[in-house]
Amino acid sequence: MNVRILALAAVLLPAVGFSQTWTVRPVPATGETVARVVMDDASDLVLEVTNTAAATLDARLSEVSFVLPTGYQLLNGLPAEENPNWKVEYIDSNERRITFQSTLGCVDNGRGLARNQTARFVLSVVGPSNRATDSTNERLVAGTYARDQCDGTNYTYNVGNMTPWTRAILTTNVTLTPRVLAVNATTVARAVVENRGTGSATVTVDNPTSTTSVPLTTVSKDPTTSRVVALQSAGVFAVTLRPTAAGAVAARVRARTTNSGSNAPLADSPVADVGNLVATADMDVADAFSGEQVTLRMTVFNASTANSYTQVRPRAPVRLGNATATLVSGPTPESLAQLAPGASAQFTWRYQVSGTPGASYQFQAQVDATLNGSAVAGDLVTARKGRIVEHRVRLSQETVSTAATSVTVAYTVQNRGTLPIYEVKLFKPAVNYFQVAASGPQAFGDWIVSSDAAGYLWESETGIPVGGEATFRITYSGFTGVLADTAFRHRLELNQGWNDPRIRVEATLTLLAVTAAPDVSRLTGVARDGSVTLTWDNPFNHGGTLVLRAQGATPNTAPTSGVRYAVGDVLGNATVAYADEFSSASSFTDTAVTNGTTYVYRVFNADDEFRYGPGNQPTSVGLLATPRARVAGNPLWCYSVGLVSRYQPVTELGVGIFSSFNDSVVGVLTNTVNPSEDGAERFRPVKLPGVIGSRFPVVPLLGRPGQQWIVVGDQTGVPAVLNAATGEFLWKNTTLGLGNISSFPVTQLLDYANPEYRTTYSNVDLAIFATRNSSAQNQVVALNAATGALIWRYRPGDLGMVSGGMLVDYTTNRLYVATTSGTSTATLRVLNSLTGAEVARLALGDLEFGVVRNATSNQILVTANDGRVYGLNSTTYGKDWTVTVRPITTRAFTHFARPLGRGFVVSTADGKVERYEMDATNVPVQLWSTAIAGPAGSFTLNQNGVARIYVGSSDGKVHQLELETGVDSGQVTVGPAQDIFTPTIDHTVSRLHVGTADGRICAFPVPF
């Protein structure tokens, strides 16, 4: 700040009048007993003034003038936020004097301070670096005065009697990682202690204390005792802490020399949050020019290992400080449907901030959610404080790997003040961590450079003009390694002229202990006509996102940590399609694509240090997408998941489909009205603990009208039920110890059950799961579909592996379970579905495929690996007929025999699709056989009396076969030659959906 008055004599000379008394005292920071400033460092010295005038006089104190001791630099000053009706009237940096006046005039009520009233003033000062230990008796010096500029009353005070402040040689900066954690988890306070004295110091840190009621227990310290910190060096101390209660808390750290000759000012870490639904608040810009926009980001984390939160939504932030902050946008997003255990989400707001230099802005944020139907609220968390400034510095990179050498860092000084800047001095950053190359600082233009023991000085005759900026470069030869990411201050001093106060600005440069940030997760994409929309989940440690796009191949060059990229930049064979920072964005629609061209995307998370993740989601290959025009033969959309999508989609007619890949359940919407929303996600992929080994049923459940539920199990033996609209778990049972679930679960629902079932279970739906373990301890369990509670268990000790689906016959309350042989030759078990009791067992050879019922013939169709299809009597369980489709002993089929009419359709391993129909003797005979490469299972569509069969194949196509003749009458191509799996058809909107080996689920209009 620059305030000038040419006629100084009248201001500096106390007016003649009655003499009254006043006091001034330095105010200790929170947690301190004395006020502290640091040698050779910008410090805030808070002075409290009290009008102690005699009671007999109504004298007001409306002007104060402070003079700092010799050797101090006066940078600037401000009235404290709690007493805004004051202003800086005059600064003389050479005289070390600053004068404040009341902004209320002589005729205004309330000017200045009445008797016993107080006001506080914040002086930004630099203490001289000429002592080896604390100076404990620093006071203002002669020339300090107070008066009433209206009536001329003088206020007398002996500065020698004032409470002193302390000048210390140490300064501390503290980080805390992680900042969201469960109760009794651990976090690390990392303190960087810098020595500003005149020689080496042996330094230690006290056990940190809590700033709130949340107790912090010290678990360990590194080093356990002390560390020698040389002059202009830094010592790094790590303290592992355990919070033992929930709430928001910061770690307060004191560094000191071992002989207690010097104590650093207390330093607080950023706020951490402890509990289950926890959050942090951060700002991207803490030194804004008036009129600039800043981003507030709240990151919410579910620290619970079991509970999912729904309807997660941020409250309107609480604004603090005396700057003006106007909401521009946000929150983005407005809410989140679900936050699973271990998941995180970001919400952002944009504010325009304005005010006079020194005005502050700060925000507090809080999240609301629903847990098990009840409202819950997170803690109120506070972001760091920002200030309106006229000058600042920006570094070309804010992070650097300690393995790097010969790194040139550019310091760009921006001037929005009222005067040019003629000198820029960079103080040497911690010399034991930053080694300057022999080339050192670099001169440029008319800026000449020199150096001294303290740092590097650039000088210019023209300087940095008002509204301009200049970049100053220095090359570092190398960096000392750190055990964890460590931020170091880089400080600069700016000079506008001999008589003007110096200006201090700073930024941080973080040395990286590891070079990679965490990856994004649940990356998916939707390719449509002229666009590809990518969606992902950001990890908690998220600052921004970089998306690379390459044509027909995996992007082969990863981004370099610490480097910012712009859209259009080229990295290896790829182009930057999207880039952001300090953003909550988790989706991007790429319209710079060409229909018919295949693209591969890799998405890289960047943390706040601009360290990039590996970009290996869903795999290191990336995500493939091919936009196509909506014309005949092309898909309407393809939903990319990046991993093989082999299971037949499940259709909710006219609404959407469900499917799975690897360990995740996915839901995709059908929108026939708006092509830009067609194929959009119904919910984010829902992860189970293990790989999902089969397709699954989607059914209504008792007492939940209008809702559909996904019944699914995984290969770690966890059965679950999910809400088909939201993806939220109704339940997930991890206590049964089932082992591998790889077969299609089945349900028996009360609403469709016969009287016998209703007598047994008056208010229960059954969800039935079977296992595929290598041991003989395979089993079948029936669970309460609404709760996951065990109803019955069938574990005979000789049950083979169950790979395909089971069949529930509602008419007879029978459950058919097909198994492989080896454990027992009785590979088909018939159970009472109400009790699990075994009713019958048949020896039919290896049965890897599901058992199905032909509704027309009321026969049970069993498909055996040896090439036979059996038709069983549903009453006697005897064989009504046996058809040998292929007389072989190896696996003959690629899919179970699908009922069609009174017969069936089969897909064979030798590349045929064949239809069988009953002859006069009620035994199926072949009607036709069509060669199809690597055929998958089939699905039929009867439209306007014309029936067709659709089948996937290994040639990258879906084939349309005429039902009566088997003629291959049309094909659509999904991509290059690959396995295309069993399709399904939504006859209400005439669409076919099918999964592919290259990780896509595509929708096609039918017929072809």
Foldseek 3Di string as FASTA:
>chain_A
DAADDPPCPVVLDFFDDAEFAKAKAWDPDPPDPFNEDEAQDWDKTKIKMAGAGDPVDFFFWFKWKFFFDPQKFWFDKAWDPVDRQKDWNDDWRVRRMTMIGGNDDPPDPPHHGTHGDMTMMITTMHHHQEDPFKDQATWTDPSTWIHDPPPRYTHDDDRNPYHGHIYFQKAKEWAKPPQEAAAFDKIKIKIKIAGNHDWKFKKDKDFWAKPDPFGKDWDAKVVRGTDIATHLAIDIMMTMIGTHDWAKIWTWMWMAGPVNRGIYRIYTYFIGGYHFWTKAKEKDAQEAAAFDKIKIKIKIFGQDPAWKWAFKAKDDKDKDWDKDKAWDDDQVVGTAGMHGHGAMFMTMTMIHTHDDFFTKIWIWIKMWTDTPRHIDIGYTGIYDMHTHHQKAWDKQFQEDEQVDFFDKIKIKIFGQDDFFWFKKWKFDWRCQFWAFDPVFKDDDDQWDWDADPGTIMTGHPVGAGNRGMDIIMTITGGGDADQAKDKTKIKMWTDRDDRHRIHIYIDIHIHHNDQADAFWALWKWKAAAQKIKIFTGDRSQFWKKWKKKAWPFAQDFDDGARHADDAQDDGRRITTQDIDTNDRDGMDMRNPDDAPIKMFMFMWTAGPSRRTHCSQVVHSRGWIAHHHYQDAQDFRMKMFRQFFFFAAWADDFQFWTWGDGWFWIWIFGDDPPDSVRGRPTLERTDGDPGGFQYGEDWADAFPDPPWIKTWGDAQQGKTWIATNRYRHTLDIDPPPRQHGFREYKDKAHPVPADPVLCVLPVHFIWIKTWFADPALQTKIFIAGRRYRHTDEIGGPSQAAGFHYYWDADRVQQKIWTAHADDSHQQGIWIARNSHRHTDDTHRDHGFNYYWDAQPQVRWIWTAHQQQKIFTADPVPRHTPEIDRRDRGDGGFFQHGFDHDRLWTWTHTPVFKIWTWDQDPSGYTDTQDIDGAAAWADWDWDQDPNFIWIWIWHQQQWIFIAGPRYRDRPDIHGPDGRGTKHYWYANRVQQWIWTTTRSGIITIHHDDD
